[in-house]
Amino acid sequence: MRNPHPATGQLVDQVVEMKRMLGQLARLVEISLTLNSTLDPDRLLNFIIDTGTDILECEGVSVLLYNEKTGELRFAASTGSDPEELAKIPVPLDSSIAGAIFQQDRPEIINEMESNPQHFQEVGKKTQFITRNLVGVPMKIGDRTIGVLEGVNKRHGEFGKEDVDILSVIASQAAVAINNARLLQSLQTAYNELAQSDKKKSDFIAIASHELRIPLNTVLGYAEFLREDAPPELADYAERLSKAALQLRSLVDDMTNLNLLEGGSQEFQPARQPIQRIVAEAYSETQTAAREKGHQLNIRLPKEPLDVNADGEKLKRVFLNILNNATRFTPNGGAINIAVTTHPDGVLTAIQDTGIGIPKEELERIFEQFYQVEGHMTRAYGGMGLGLAIARGIVLLHGGRIWAESDGPDKGSVFYVILPLADAKKATGALLGGNL
């Protein structure tokens, strides 16, 4: 039997080599896709070392990441090692191969480890692992180096340039993936801290509101007693005390309502009822304050009942907050008009005042928590800026919308509230959209 022609043998070798290279290329594409779709840090690191070990045909791969606080490299993952124990070993930049790769920003191939003076032997002593040869490349994002990717102990032969090329491709993809995972983890940590901060704030408001109500009720009780039995010269003081206590209780109520709305724990008990009754109650409760400032308070309600699915007390708070706002920001002798009419989206309530008006750029911001048009240094009108935020929350809870219109400073303003009728096909709780 004749031996095959040498050219034929070379062709076979080339085909085999081409198939091997195509296989590696396919693996690199697979690695790239996996790295770009994995955001869990532990899973990501394990994938890097497992696939790196496989494609380099070596005994192990390690990922070392730079710690900016300590100025050292630390093992983030390594094949066949306890990650927690390995992470405790700092790898110095000035006396290790990984440190040289990191600082000089260039790959390194070392096939005789025993004679290399930069071989950092502390890791081998702790892990009982003997390193015969090594290939390492920097892990970079743009111009920034974040760590080093190393392969150790080639199973057959020595590490060469092809291994550097393969490892460099994996390192560049891995650096981006690790950075993205870190960013996501930082974002999640920040979100958790913010959520914890919000919970502490909510708990504080709930406790403070509860503790303030007890002495406030006592003050109100004594103030009412003084108003009834005090001599004329003390009646005015008793009246002022009562008003101050009522104002403080109103602020406590606002904080409590806002806290409940934000926490999603606000009890909502809707029932079919005419909106005229709710608006009329708010109008009645506002009359005393309006009378003290000489306001002309007018109301126009349709005779035919316009039923809405509403929690009466909560919806009344919407109109009370708007009316209290109108009373506070309307000069003495001004006018406040309330009108209820039908609307294509349900029932429309408009509350118009002749007050100080609202700049056009502030019309949406007035519904933000603690926001007031007046500067915080002047605070001429008082209040915490919670009333309208609470009103918006309750209106949204009822599936309605609320907005304000004004021609500008000193031109008055109009607040509109639209709520779906009880027999409307639109479900209560669904946001109808609009100027919110």
Protein backbone atom coordinates (compact mmCIF):
# COMPACT_ATOMS: atom_id res chain seq x y z
CA MET A 1 0.00 0.00 0.00
CA ARG A 2 1.40 3.36 -1.01
CA ASN A 3 1.89 6.20 1.49
CA PRO A 4 -0.30 9.26 0.89
CA HIS A 5 1.28 12.12 -0.99
CA PRO A 6 2.86 14.73 1.39
CA ALA A 7 0.69 17.48 -0.11
CA THR A 8 -2.43 15.50 0.76
CA GLY A 9 -1.30 15.15 4.35
CA GLN A 10 -0.68 18.88 4.59
CA LEU A 11 -4.14 19.58 3.19
CA VAL A 12 -5.71 17.28 5.77
CA ASP A 13 -3.80 19.05 8.54
CA GLN A 14 -4.95 22.43 7.25
CA VAL A 15 -8.58 21.29 7.17
CA VAL A 16 -8.32 19.96 10.73
CA GLU A 17 -6.70 23.20 11.88
CA MET A 18 -9.38 25.25 10.13
CA LYS A 19 -12.13 23.24 11.79
CA ARG A 20 -10.47 23.77 15.16
CA MET A 21 -10.24 27.52 14.57
CA LEU A 22 -13.87 27.68 13.45
CA GLY A 23 -14.85 25.79 16.58
CA GLN A 24 -12.96 28.29 18.73
CA LEU A 25 -14.56 31.19 16.86
CA ALA A 26 -18.01 29.69 17.44
CA ARG A 27 -17.21 29.32 21.15
CA LEU A 28 -16.05 32.94 21.34
CA VAL A 29 -19.30 34.10 19.75
CA GLU A 30 -21.22 31.95 22.24
CA ILE A 31 -19.19 33.41 25.11
CA SER A 32 -19.86 36.95 23.88
CA LEU A 33 -23.63 36.36 23.73
CA THR A 34 -23.71 34.77 27.18
CA LEU A 35 -21.59 37.46 28.80
CA ASN A 36 -23.77 40.21 27.37
CA SER A 37 -26.96 38.57 28.63
CA THR A 38 -25.82 37.70 32.19
CA LEU A 39 -26.04 40.27 34.98
CA ASP A 40 -25.71 38.05 38.03
CA PRO A 41 -22.10 38.60 39.27
CA ASP A 42 -21.49 35.09 40.65
CA ARG A 43 -22.95 33.33 37.62
CA LEU A 44 -20.96 35.63 35.35
CA LEU A 45 -17.62 34.93 37.04
CA ASN A 46 -18.21 31.18 37.10
CA PHE A 47 -19.03 31.22 33.39
CA ILE A 48 -15.82 33.14 32.59
CA ILE A 49 -13.52 30.72 34.41
CA ASP A 50 -15.32 27.58 33.19
CA THR A 51 -15.42 28.54 29.52
CA GLY A 52 -11.92 30.04 29.65
CA THR A 53 -10.52 26.82 31.06
CA ASP A 54 -12.26 24.80 28.38
CA ILE A 55 -11.32 26.93 25.35
CA LEU A 56 -7.68 27.43 26.45
CA GLU A 57 -7.35 23.70 27.25
CA CYS A 58 -5.71 24.47 30.58
CA GLU A 59 -6.18 23.45 34.22
CA GLY A 60 -7.61 26.70 35.47
CA VAL A 61 -8.54 30.34 34.86
CA SER A 62 -8.56 33.17 37.40
CA VAL A 63 -10.22 36.58 37.39
CA LEU A 64 -8.40 39.23 39.43
CA LEU A 65 -10.09 42.61 39.87
CA TYR A 66 -8.46 45.83 40.98
CA ASN A 67 -9.53 47.30 44.31
CA GLU A 68 -9.21 51.08 44.06
CA LYS A 69 -9.43 51.56 47.84
CA THR A 70 -6.52 49.25 48.71
CA GLY A 71 -4.53 49.55 45.46
CA GLU A 72 -4.33 45.75 45.19
CA LEU A 73 -5.62 42.99 42.96
CA ARG A 74 -8.05 40.51 44.49
CA PHE A 75 -9.22 37.14 43.21
CA ALA A 76 -12.86 37.42 42.18
CA ALA A 77 -13.01 33.82 40.92
CA SER A 78 -10.65 30.93 40.22
CA THR A 79 -11.11 27.38 38.96
CA GLY A 80 -11.35 24.77 41.71
CA SER A 81 -10.71 27.14 44.62
CA ASP A 82 -12.74 28.35 47.55
CA PRO A 83 -13.75 31.87 46.39
CA GLU A 84 -14.11 33.23 49.92
CA GLU A 85 -10.68 32.02 51.02
CA LEU A 86 -9.05 33.14 47.77
CA ALA A 87 -10.63 36.61 48.02
CA LYS A 88 -8.80 37.12 51.32
CA ILE A 89 -5.39 36.96 49.58
CA PRO A 90 -4.26 40.38 48.28
CA VAL A 91 -2.08 40.27 45.19
CA PRO A 92 0.42 43.18 45.25
CA LEU A 93 0.99 45.19 42.09
CA ASP A 94 4.74 45.57 42.51
CA SER A 95 5.76 41.95 43.17
CA SER A 96 3.49 39.69 41.13
CA ILE A 97 3.00 38.67 37.52
CA ALA A 98 -0.63 39.81 37.62
CA GLY A 99 0.52 43.17 38.99
CA ALA A 100 3.00 43.58 36.11
CA ILE A 101 0.30 42.73 33.55
CA PHE A 102 -2.04 45.25 35.18
CA GLN A 103 0.47 48.10 35.53
CA GLN A 104 2.21 47.63 32.18
CA ASP A 105 -1.09 47.01 30.40
CA ARG A 106 0.27 44.20 28.26
CA PRO A 107 -0.18 40.39 27.96
CA GLU A 108 2.34 38.01 29.47
CA ILE A 109 3.31 34.40 28.67
CA ILE A 110 5.50 32.55 31.15
CA ASN A 111 6.21 28.88 30.46
CA GLU A 112 8.88 28.46 33.18
CA MET A 113 7.24 29.58 36.41
CA GLU A 114 9.74 28.15 38.90
CA SER A 115 12.54 30.44 37.75
CA ASN A 116 10.40 33.58 37.46
CA PRO A 117 11.20 36.07 40.24
CA GLN A 118 7.79 37.74 39.99
CA HIS A 119 5.88 34.54 40.71
CA PHE A 120 3.67 35.34 43.71
CA GLN A 121 3.83 32.07 45.66
CA GLU A 122 1.45 33.00 48.48
CA VAL A 123 -1.55 31.81 46.46
CA GLY A 124 0.03 28.42 45.74
CA LYS A 125 0.83 27.91 49.42
CA LYS A 126 -2.71 28.72 50.51
CA THR A 127 -4.43 26.64 47.80
CA GLN A 128 -1.89 23.80 47.49
CA PHE A 129 -1.80 24.45 43.71
CA ILE A 130 1.41 24.23 41.67
CA THR A 131 1.60 26.59 38.69
CA ARG A 132 3.83 25.33 35.86
CA ASN A 133 3.07 27.92 33.19
CA LEU A 134 0.81 30.92 32.80
CA VAL A 135 -0.79 33.29 30.31
CA GLY A 136 -2.34 36.57 31.43
CA VAL A 137 -4.00 39.60 29.79
CA PRO A 138 -5.34 42.90 31.12
CA MET A 139 -9.10 43.36 31.39
CA LYS A 140 -9.94 46.77 29.93
CA ILE A 141 -12.95 49.01 29.42
CA GLY A 142 -11.85 51.68 26.98
CA ASP A 143 -8.66 53.15 28.42
CA ARG A 144 -9.34 51.88 31.94
CA THR A 145 -7.90 48.58 33.21
CA ILE A 146 -10.14 46.92 35.80
CA GLY A 147 -8.27 43.64 36.35
CA VAL A 148 -6.37 40.68 34.94
CA LEU A 149 -7.52 37.41 33.37
CA GLU A 150 -5.09 34.50 33.75
CA GLY A 151 -4.91 30.92 32.45
CA VAL A 152 -2.60 28.41 34.12
CA ASN A 153 -1.06 25.00 33.28
CA LYS A 154 -1.62 24.25 29.60
CA ARG A 155 -2.73 20.62 29.36
CA HIS A 156 -0.70 19.91 26.22
CA GLY A 157 2.46 21.84 25.43
CA GLU A 158 2.97 25.51 26.25
CA PHE A 159 0.96 28.72 26.03
CA GLY A 160 1.47 30.71 22.83
CA LYS A 161 0.30 33.80 20.96
CA GLU A 162 -2.96 32.12 19.95
CA ASP A 163 -3.83 31.66 23.63
CA VAL A 164 -3.13 35.36 24.22
CA ASP A 165 -5.46 36.30 21.35
CA ILE A 166 -8.26 34.06 22.63
CA LEU A 167 -7.86 35.19 26.23
CA SER A 168 -7.80 38.86 25.13
CA VAL A 169 -11.15 38.47 23.36
CA ILE A 170 -12.67 36.83 26.44
CA ALA A 171 -11.13 39.49 28.71
CA SER A 172 -12.52 42.44 26.73
CA GLN A 173 -16.04 40.94 26.75
CA ALA A 174 -15.76 39.91 30.40
CA ALA A 175 -14.62 43.39 31.50
CA VAL A 176 -17.72 45.02 30.02
CA ALA A 177 -20.01 42.33 31.45
CA ILE A 178 -18.47 42.56 34.94
CA ASN A 179 -18.69 46.36 34.88
CA ASN A 180 -22.37 46.19 33.89
CA ALA A 181 -23.06 43.67 36.66
CA ARG A 182 -21.30 45.93 39.16
CA LEU A 183 -23.34 48.93 38.05
CA LEU A 184 -26.56 46.95 38.35
CA GLN A 185 -25.55 45.72 41.79
CA SER A 186 -24.73 49.28 42.90
CA LEU A 187 -28.07 50.48 41.56
CA GLN A 188 -29.89 47.71 43.39
CA THR A 189 -28.04 48.53 46.61
CA ALA A 190 -28.91 52.22 46.25
CA TYR A 191 -32.54 51.32 45.57
CA ASN A 192 -32.68 49.10 48.66
CA GLU A 193 -31.13 51.82 50.80
CA LEU A 194 -33.63 54.34 49.41
CA ALA A 195 -36.52 51.96 50.11
CA GLN A 196 -35.25 51.46 53.65
CA SER A 197 -34.92 55.23 54.06
CA ASP A 198 -38.49 55.70 52.80
CA LYS A 199 -39.73 53.10 55.27
CA LYS A 200 -37.96 54.84 58.15
CA LYS A 201 -39.48 58.14 57.04
CA SER A 202 -42.96 56.60 56.85
CA ASP A 203 -42.55 54.93 60.25
CA PHE A 204 -41.37 58.20 61.77
CA ILE A 205 -44.32 60.14 60.35
CA ALA A 206 -46.77 57.50 61.55
CA ILE A 207 -45.34 57.49 65.08
CA ALA A 208 -44.98 61.28 65.24
CA SER A 209 -48.54 61.79 63.99
CA HIS A 210 -49.91 59.37 66.56
CA GLU A 211 -47.95 60.92 69.42
CA LEU A 212 -48.92 64.48 68.41
CA ARG A 213 -52.63 63.71 68.31
CA ILE A 214 -52.85 62.90 72.02
CA PRO A 215 -51.59 66.28 73.37
CA LEU A 216 -53.38 68.10 70.54
CA ASN A 217 -56.72 66.63 71.51
CA THR A 218 -56.05 67.66 75.11
CA VAL A 219 -55.23 71.23 74.03
CA LEU A 220 -58.36 71.38 71.87
CA GLY A 221 -60.49 70.12 74.72
CA TYR A 222 -59.21 72.76 77.13
CA ALA A 223 -59.45 75.46 74.46
CA GLU A 224 -63.11 74.63 73.87
CA PHE A 225 -63.70 74.65 77.61
CA LEU A 226 -62.07 78.10 77.92
CA ARG A 227 -64.08 79.45 75.00
CA GLU A 228 -67.31 78.50 76.70
CA ASP A 229 -66.51 79.60 80.26
CA ALA A 230 -63.75 82.19 80.00
CA PRO A 231 -64.46 85.84 80.88
CA PRO A 232 -64.61 88.28 77.95
CA GLU A 233 -61.02 89.44 78.39
CA LEU A 234 -59.75 85.86 77.92
CA ALA A 235 -62.18 84.76 75.19
CA ASP A 236 -59.96 86.13 72.42
CA TYR A 237 -56.93 84.18 73.73
CA ALA A 238 -59.01 81.01 73.94
CA GLU A 239 -60.14 81.54 70.33
CA ARG A 240 -56.54 81.98 69.14
CA LEU A 241 -55.44 78.88 71.04
CA SER A 242 -58.23 76.84 69.47
CA LYS A 243 -57.39 78.04 65.95
CA ALA A 244 -53.67 77.30 66.39
CA ALA A 245 -54.41 73.79 67.68
CA LEU A 246 -56.84 73.13 64.82
CA GLN A 247 -54.25 74.31 62.31
CA LEU A 248 -51.64 72.02 63.82
CA ARG A 249 -54.05 69.08 63.77
CA SER A 250 -54.77 69.82 60.11
CA LEU A 251 -51.04 69.60 59.34
CA VAL A 252 -50.79 66.31 61.24
CA ASP A 253 -53.76 64.99 59.25
CA ASP A 254 -52.09 66.03 56.00
CA MET A 255 -48.88 64.20 56.89
CA THR A 256 -50.80 61.10 57.91
CA ASN A 257 -52.92 61.05 54.75
CA LEU A 258 -49.90 61.55 52.51
CA ASN A 259 -47.98 58.83 54.33
CA LEU A 260 -50.85 56.39 53.90
CA LEU A 261 -51.27 57.24 50.22
CA GLU A 262 -47.54 56.78 49.53
CA GLY A 263 -47.44 53.49 51.38
CA GLY A 264 -50.45 52.15 49.52
CA SER A 265 -52.19 51.43 52.82
CA GLN A 266 -54.85 54.12 52.55
CA GLU A 267 -58.20 52.41 53.14
CA PHE A 268 -60.50 53.03 50.22
CA GLN A 269 -64.22 52.33 50.66
CA PRO A 270 -66.16 53.65 47.65
CA ALA A 271 -69.93 53.80 47.56
CA ARG A 272 -72.40 55.23 45.06
CA GLN A 273 -73.43 58.74 46.11
CA PRO A 274 -74.17 62.15 44.56
CA ILE A 275 -71.14 64.34 44.23
CA GLN A 276 -73.31 67.35 45.09
CA ARG A 277 -73.50 66.16 48.69
CA ILE A 278 -69.72 65.79 49.02
CA VAL A 279 -68.99 69.20 47.48
CA ALA A 280 -71.71 70.84 49.61
CA GLU A 281 -70.17 69.45 52.80
CA ALA A 282 -66.75 70.81 51.85
CA TYR A 283 -68.37 74.17 51.03
CA SER A 284 -70.13 74.23 54.42
CA GLU A 285 -66.93 73.46 56.35
CA THR A 286 -65.05 76.24 54.53
CA GLN A 287 -67.59 78.99 55.18
CA THR A 288 -66.22 80.05 58.58
CA ALA A 289 -62.66 80.57 57.27
CA ALA A 290 -63.96 82.38 54.18
CA ARG A 291 -66.19 84.63 56.29
CA GLU A 292 -63.24 85.66 58.51
CA LYS A 293 -61.40 86.96 55.44
CA GLY A 294 -64.46 88.62 53.97
CA HIS A 295 -64.59 86.26 50.99
CA GLN A 296 -67.68 85.86 48.89
CA LEU A 297 -68.15 82.09 48.71
CA ASN A 298 -70.54 80.97 45.97
CA ILE A 299 -71.68 77.49 44.97
CA ARG A 300 -73.68 76.23 42.00
CA LEU A 301 -74.90 72.63 41.97
CA PRO A 302 -77.10 70.90 39.39
CA LYS A 303 -80.49 69.69 40.69
CA GLU A 304 -80.24 66.29 39.04
CA PRO A 305 -78.03 63.97 41.16
CA LEU A 306 -74.69 63.14 39.59
CA ASP A 307 -73.63 59.89 41.23
CA VAL A 308 -70.02 58.84 41.58
CA ASN A 309 -68.37 55.79 43.16
CA ALA A 310 -66.49 57.55 45.93
CA ASP A 311 -65.16 57.30 49.44
CA GLY A 312 -67.09 60.33 50.70
CA GLU A 313 -64.68 61.41 53.44
CA LYS A 314 -61.60 61.11 51.29
CA LEU A 315 -63.14 62.85 48.30
CA LYS A 316 -64.37 65.64 50.58
CA ARG A 317 -60.74 66.10 51.64
CA VAL A 318 -59.89 66.86 47.99
CA PHE A 319 -62.35 69.76 47.81
CA LEU A 320 -61.50 70.94 51.33
CA ASN A 321 -57.80 71.10 50.44
CA ILE A 322 -58.50 73.06 47.25
CA LEU A 323 -60.91 75.42 49.06
CA ASN A 324 -58.47 75.92 51.96
CA ASN A 325 -55.81 76.76 49.39
CA ALA A 326 -58.14 79.24 47.69
CA THR A 327 -58.98 80.85 51.04
CA ARG A 328 -55.35 81.11 52.05
CA PHE A 329 -54.12 82.62 48.78
CA THR A 330 -57.05 84.95 48.08
CA PRO A 331 -56.76 88.46 49.60
CA ASN A 332 -59.45 89.76 51.95
CA GLY A 333 -62.68 90.62 50.17
CA GLY A 334 -62.04 88.27 47.25
CA ALA A 335 -64.39 85.70 45.72
CA ILE A 336 -64.37 81.90 45.52
CA ASN A 337 -66.80 80.16 43.16
CA ILE A 338 -67.67 76.46 43.11
CA ALA A 339 -69.51 74.87 40.19
CA VAL A 340 -70.41 71.25 39.40
CA THR A 341 -71.35 70.30 35.82
CA THR A 342 -71.44 67.27 33.56
CA HIS A 343 -68.47 66.46 31.33
CA PRO A 344 -67.83 63.94 28.53
CA ASP A 345 -65.56 62.02 30.94
CA GLY A 346 -67.96 62.17 33.89
CA VAL A 347 -68.60 65.03 36.30
CA LEU A 348 -66.52 68.20 36.49
CA THR A 349 -66.03 70.30 39.62
CA ALA A 350 -64.41 73.71 39.14
CA ILE A 351 -63.19 75.89 42.01
CA GLN A 352 -62.29 79.42 40.91
CA ASP A 353 -60.71 82.12 43.06
CA THR A 354 -59.57 85.71 42.66
CA GLY A 355 -56.31 85.07 44.51
CA ILE A 356 -52.65 85.63 43.78
CA GLY A 357 -52.65 83.32 40.76
CA ILE A 358 -50.05 80.79 39.65
CA PRO A 359 -47.18 81.34 37.18
CA LYS A 360 -47.63 79.11 34.12
CA GLU A 361 -44.34 77.29 34.76
CA GLU A 362 -45.58 76.30 38.24
CA LEU A 363 -48.99 74.88 37.24
CA GLU A 364 -47.84 71.26 37.38
CA ARG A 365 -45.32 71.57 40.19
CA ILE A 366 -47.93 72.77 42.70
CA PHE A 367 -49.12 69.15 43.00
CA GLU A 368 -45.69 67.98 44.18
CA GLN A 369 -45.14 67.20 47.84
CA PHE A 370 -43.98 70.13 50.00
CA TYR A 371 -43.88 72.45 46.99
CA GLN A 372 -45.15 76.02 47.26
CA VAL A 373 -45.08 78.81 44.73
CA GLU A 374 -43.95 81.35 47.34
CA GLY A 375 -40.30 81.30 48.35
CA HIS A 376 -39.44 79.27 51.45
CA MET A 377 -37.82 82.36 52.98
CA THR A 378 -41.03 84.39 52.82
CA ARG A 379 -43.68 81.82 53.79
CA ALA A 380 -46.29 84.56 53.97
CA TYR A 381 -49.21 82.16 53.52
CA GLY A 382 -48.18 79.24 55.74
CA GLY A 383 -48.90 75.57 55.18
CA MET A 384 -46.59 72.66 54.35
CA GLY A 385 -47.42 72.30 50.67
CA LEU A 386 -49.10 68.93 51.16
CA GLY A 387 -52.75 69.72 50.49
CA LEU A 388 -52.65 69.56 46.70
CA ALA A 389 -50.36 66.51 46.66
CA ILE A 390 -52.89 64.69 48.84
CA ALA A 391 -55.75 65.91 46.66
CA ARG A 392 -54.08 64.53 43.55
CA GLY A 393 -53.42 61.17 45.23
CA ILE A 394 -57.05 60.80 46.27
CA VAL A 395 -58.38 61.87 42.86
CA LEU A 396 -56.16 59.28 41.15
CA LEU A 397 -57.41 56.72 43.63
CA HIS A 398 -60.94 57.49 42.37
CA GLY A 399 -59.92 57.11 38.72
CA GLY A 400 -60.13 60.83 38.01
CA ARG A 401 -57.83 63.69 37.10
CA ILE A 402 -57.03 67.07 38.58
CA TRP A 403 -55.29 70.14 37.19
CA ALA A 404 -55.05 73.90 37.60
CA GLU A 405 -55.23 76.84 35.22
CA SER A 406 -54.21 80.44 35.75
CA ASP A 407 -53.44 83.48 33.61
CA GLY A 408 -50.50 84.29 35.87
CA PRO A 409 -49.69 86.22 39.03
CA ASP A 410 -52.59 88.28 40.50
CA LYS A 411 -54.98 86.79 37.92
CA GLY A 412 -56.60 84.16 40.16
CA SER A 413 -56.73 80.44 39.42
CA VAL A 414 -59.15 77.63 38.67
CA PHE A 415 -58.82 74.05 39.90
CA TYR A 416 -60.61 71.32 37.98
CA VAL A 417 -61.50 67.83 39.18
CA ILE A 418 -63.06 65.28 36.81
CA LEU A 419 -64.46 62.02 38.19
CA PRO A 420 -66.17 59.16 36.32
CA LEU A 421 -69.91 58.78 36.87
CA ALA A 422 -71.04 55.73 38.82
CA ASP A 423 -72.67 54.18 35.75
CA ALA A 424 -69.71 54.95 33.47
CA LYS A 425 -68.13 52.01 31.69
CA LYS A 426 -64.67 53.15 32.71
CA ALA A 427 -63.55 51.30 35.82
CA THR A 428 -62.89 53.25 38.99
CA GLY A 429 -59.18 53.43 39.69
CA ALA A 430 -58.13 53.66 36.04
CA LEU A 431 -56.24 56.82 35.19
CA LEU A 432 -58.13 58.80 32.56
CA GLY A 433 -55.13 60.93 31.60
CA GLY A 434 -55.02 64.69 31.34
CA ASN A 435 -53.07 67.60 32.76
CA LEU A 436 -51.39 65.85 35.65
